[in-house]
């Protein structure tokens, strides 16, 4: 009978496991988001009214009231 010498393949398995992990992360971060559907696609079309940031020309001008007792800066 022929006897075979035991070969330790743990380094090969570790390398293959790390390679599979790196390729899997690459697929997860690069390929999957590019093929997945954009959130909100196919949902209702909501259009909000535009809100003016400036008051109308004839709006009354009120003086500012500054409370000196609560000032945070001296």
N, C-alpha and C. Protein backbone atom coordinates (compact mmCIF):
# COMPACT_ATOMS: atom_id res chain seq x y z
N UNK A 1 0.81 -1.19 0.00
CA UNK A 1 0.00 0.00 0.00
C UNK A 1 0.86 1.25 0.00
N UNK A 2 0.36 2.21 -0.71
CA UNK A 2 1.09 3.46 -0.79
C UNK A 2 0.53 4.44 0.23
N UNK A 3 1.43 5.10 0.95
CA UNK A 3 0.99 6.08 1.95
C UNK A 3 1.14 7.48 1.37
N UNK A 4 0.11 8.30 1.62
CA UNK A 4 0.14 9.68 1.12
C UNK A 4 0.48 10.62 2.26
N UNK A 5 1.26 11.61 1.94
CA UNK A 5 1.63 12.61 2.94
C UNK A 5 0.47 13.59 3.09
N UNK A 6 0.16 13.98 4.33
CA UNK A 6 -0.91 14.93 4.61
C UNK A 6 -0.50 16.31 4.12
N UNK A 7 -1.38 16.94 3.33
CA UNK A 7 -1.11 18.28 2.81
C UNK A 7 -2.07 19.26 3.49
N UNK A 8 -1.51 20.30 4.07
CA UNK A 8 -2.31 21.30 4.78
C UNK A 8 -2.79 22.34 3.77
N UNK A 9 -4.09 22.38 3.52
CA UNK A 9 -4.67 23.30 2.54
C UNK A 9 -5.37 24.48 3.19
N UNK A 10 -5.09 24.76 4.45
CA UNK A 10 -5.79 25.85 5.13
C UNK A 10 -5.48 27.21 4.51
N UNK A 11 -4.25 27.42 4.07
CA UNK A 11 -3.91 28.70 3.45
C UNK A 11 -4.70 28.90 2.16
N UNK A 12 -4.87 27.87 1.39
CA UNK A 12 -5.63 27.96 0.15
C UNK A 12 -7.09 28.27 0.45
N UNK A 13 -7.65 27.63 1.46
CA UNK A 13 -9.05 27.87 1.83
C UNK A 13 -9.24 29.30 2.36
N UNK A 14 -8.30 29.80 3.15
CA UNK A 14 -8.39 31.17 3.64
C UNK A 14 -8.32 32.15 2.47
N UNK A 15 -7.42 31.93 1.54
CA UNK A 15 -7.29 32.80 0.38
C UNK A 15 -8.56 32.78 -0.47
N UNK A 16 -9.10 31.60 -0.71
CA UNK A 16 -10.33 31.50 -1.49
C UNK A 16 -11.51 32.15 -0.77
N UNK A 17 -11.58 32.00 0.54
CA UNK A 17 -12.64 32.64 1.32
C UNK A 17 -12.55 34.15 1.27
N UNK A 18 -11.33 34.69 1.40
CA UNK A 18 -11.15 36.14 1.32
C UNK A 18 -11.48 36.65 -0.09
N UNK A 19 -11.10 35.88 -1.11
CA UNK A 19 -11.40 36.27 -2.48
C UNK A 19 -12.91 36.30 -2.74
N UNK A 20 -13.62 35.30 -2.24
CA UNK A 20 -15.08 35.26 -2.38
C UNK A 20 -15.72 36.43 -1.64
N UNK A 21 -15.19 36.76 -0.46
CA UNK A 21 -15.71 37.89 0.31
C UNK A 21 -15.51 39.20 -0.42
N UNK A 22 -14.33 39.43 -0.99
CA UNK A 22 -14.05 40.67 -1.71
C UNK A 22 -14.93 40.77 -2.95
N UNK A 23 -15.05 39.69 -3.70
CA UNK A 23 -15.88 39.71 -4.90
C UNK A 23 -17.35 39.92 -4.52
N UNK A 24 -17.81 39.31 -3.45
CA UNK A 24 -19.19 39.49 -3.00
C UNK A 24 -19.47 40.92 -2.58
N UNK A 25 -18.53 41.54 -1.86
CA UNK A 25 -18.72 42.94 -1.48
C UNK A 25 -18.69 43.85 -2.70
N UNK A 26 -17.84 43.55 -3.66
CA UNK A 26 -17.80 44.34 -4.88
C UNK A 26 -19.13 44.26 -5.62
N UNK A 27 -19.68 43.07 -5.71
CA UNK A 27 -20.98 42.90 -6.35
C UNK A 27 -22.06 43.64 -5.57
N UNK A 28 -22.02 43.54 -4.25
CA UNK A 28 -23.06 44.17 -3.43
C UNK A 28 -23.02 45.68 -3.53
N UNK A 29 -21.85 46.27 -3.58
CA UNK A 29 -21.75 47.73 -3.56
C UNK A 29 -21.77 48.38 -4.94
N UNK A 30 -21.41 47.66 -5.98
CA UNK A 30 -21.35 48.27 -7.30
C UNK A 30 -22.47 47.83 -8.24
N UNK A 31 -22.72 46.56 -8.29
CA UNK A 31 -23.64 46.04 -9.29
C UNK A 31 -25.09 46.07 -8.82
N UNK A 32 -25.33 45.65 -7.60
CA UNK A 32 -26.71 45.57 -7.10
C UNK A 32 -27.40 46.94 -7.08
N UNK A 33 -26.77 48.03 -6.57
CA UNK A 33 -27.47 49.32 -6.61
C UNK A 33 -27.73 49.83 -8.03
N UNK A 34 -26.90 49.46 -8.98
CA UNK A 34 -27.12 49.96 -10.34
C UNK A 34 -28.27 49.25 -11.04
N UNK A 35 -28.62 48.05 -10.62
CA UNK A 35 -29.72 47.34 -11.26
C UNK A 35 -31.01 47.37 -10.45
N UNK A 36 -30.92 47.86 -9.21
CA UNK A 36 -32.13 47.90 -8.39
C UNK A 36 -32.98 49.10 -8.78
N UNK A 37 -34.27 49.02 -8.46
CA UNK A 37 -35.21 50.08 -8.82
C UNK A 37 -35.02 51.27 -7.88
N UNK A 38 -35.12 52.45 -8.41
CA UNK A 38 -34.99 53.67 -7.62
C UNK A 38 -36.19 53.79 -6.69
N UNK A 39 -35.95 54.09 -5.40
CA UNK A 39 -37.08 54.24 -4.48
C UNK A 39 -38.01 55.35 -4.94
N UNK A 40 -39.30 55.11 -4.86
CA UNK A 40 -40.28 56.10 -5.24
C UNK A 40 -40.75 55.97 -6.68
N UNK A 41 -40.11 55.13 -7.45
CA UNK A 41 -40.53 54.95 -8.83
C UNK A 41 -41.88 54.24 -8.84
N UNK A 42 -42.80 54.73 -9.62
CA UNK A 42 -44.11 54.11 -9.72
C UNK A 42 -45.08 54.60 -8.66
N UNK A 43 -44.63 55.46 -7.78
CA UNK A 43 -45.49 55.98 -6.74
C UNK A 43 -46.32 57.14 -7.27
N UNK A 44 -47.13 57.72 -6.40
CA UNK A 44 -47.96 58.84 -6.85
C UNK A 44 -47.10 60.06 -7.16
N UNK A 45 -47.53 60.85 -8.13
CA UNK A 45 -46.82 62.04 -8.53
C UNK A 45 -47.31 63.20 -7.66
N UNK A 46 -46.52 63.57 -6.67
CA UNK A 46 -46.90 64.63 -5.74
C UNK A 46 -46.20 65.91 -6.16
N UNK A 47 -46.97 66.93 -6.40
CA UNK A 47 -46.43 68.23 -6.78
C UNK A 47 -46.83 69.25 -5.73
N UNK A 48 -45.87 69.76 -5.01
CA UNK A 48 -46.15 70.73 -3.97
C UNK A 48 -46.20 72.12 -4.57
N UNK A 49 -47.05 72.99 -4.04
CA UNK A 49 -47.10 74.36 -4.57
C UNK A 49 -45.83 75.12 -4.18
N UNK A 50 -45.45 76.06 -5.04
CA UNK A 50 -44.29 76.89 -4.75
C UNK A 50 -44.67 77.94 -3.72
N UNK A 51 -43.83 78.08 -2.73
CA UNK A 51 -44.08 79.05 -1.67
C UNK A 51 -43.14 80.23 -1.89
N UNK A 52 -43.69 81.42 -1.99
CA UNK A 52 -42.86 82.60 -2.18
C UNK A 52 -42.05 82.92 -0.94
N UNK A 53 -40.82 83.31 -1.11
CA UNK A 53 -39.98 83.62 0.04
C UNK A 53 -40.02 85.09 0.40
N UNK A 54 -40.52 85.94 -0.48
CA UNK A 54 -40.58 87.37 -0.21
C UNK A 54 -42.03 87.80 0.02
N UNK A 55 -42.24 88.72 0.96
CA UNK A 55 -43.60 89.21 1.18
C UNK A 55 -44.04 90.09 0.00
N UNK A 56 -45.33 90.28 -0.17
CA UNK A 56 -45.79 91.14 -1.26
C UNK A 56 -45.34 92.59 -1.04
N UNK A 57 -45.43 93.38 -2.10
CA UNK A 57 -44.96 94.77 -2.06
C UNK A 57 -45.73 95.61 -1.03
N UNK A 58 -47.02 95.36 -0.86
CA UNK A 58 -47.83 96.19 0.04
C UNK A 58 -47.92 95.64 1.45
N UNK A 59 -47.04 94.72 1.85
CA UNK A 59 -47.07 94.15 3.21
C UNK A 59 -46.60 95.21 4.21
N UNK A 60 -47.26 95.28 5.38
CA UNK A 60 -46.84 96.29 6.37
C UNK A 60 -45.47 95.95 6.95
N UNK A 61 -44.69 96.97 7.23
CA UNK A 61 -43.36 96.80 7.81
C UNK A 61 -43.47 96.93 9.32
N UNK A 62 -43.07 95.89 10.03
CA UNK A 62 -43.11 95.91 11.48
C UNK A 62 -41.68 96.04 12.01
N UNK A 63 -41.49 96.88 13.04
CA UNK A 63 -40.14 97.01 13.61
C UNK A 63 -39.77 95.73 14.38
N UNK A 64 -38.51 95.40 14.34
CA UNK A 64 -38.04 94.22 15.07
C UNK A 64 -37.95 94.54 16.55
N UNK A 65 -38.39 93.60 17.38
CA UNK A 65 -38.29 93.77 18.82
C UNK A 65 -37.18 92.85 19.31
N UNK A 66 -36.15 93.46 19.85
CA UNK A 66 -34.99 92.69 20.33
C UNK A 66 -35.05 92.65 21.84
N UNK A 67 -35.01 91.47 22.39
CA UNK A 67 -35.04 91.31 23.83
C UNK A 67 -33.58 91.30 24.34
N UNK A 68 -33.18 92.39 24.94
CA UNK A 68 -31.78 92.53 25.41
C UNK A 68 -31.50 91.64 26.62
N UNK A 69 -32.52 91.23 27.36
CA UNK A 69 -32.30 90.42 28.57
C UNK A 69 -31.86 88.99 28.20
N UNK A 70 -32.26 88.51 27.06
CA UNK A 70 -31.94 87.14 26.68
C UNK A 70 -30.82 87.05 25.66
N UNK A 71 -30.05 88.06 25.51
CA UNK A 71 -28.96 88.05 24.53
C UNK A 71 -27.92 87.03 24.95
N UNK A 72 -27.44 86.30 23.99
CA UNK A 72 -26.44 85.27 24.30
C UNK A 72 -25.02 85.79 24.21
N UNK A 73 -24.83 86.87 23.47
CA UNK A 73 -23.49 87.44 23.32
C UNK A 73 -23.43 88.75 24.09
N UNK A 74 -22.33 88.98 24.81
CA UNK A 74 -22.21 90.26 25.58
C UNK A 74 -22.01 91.46 24.70
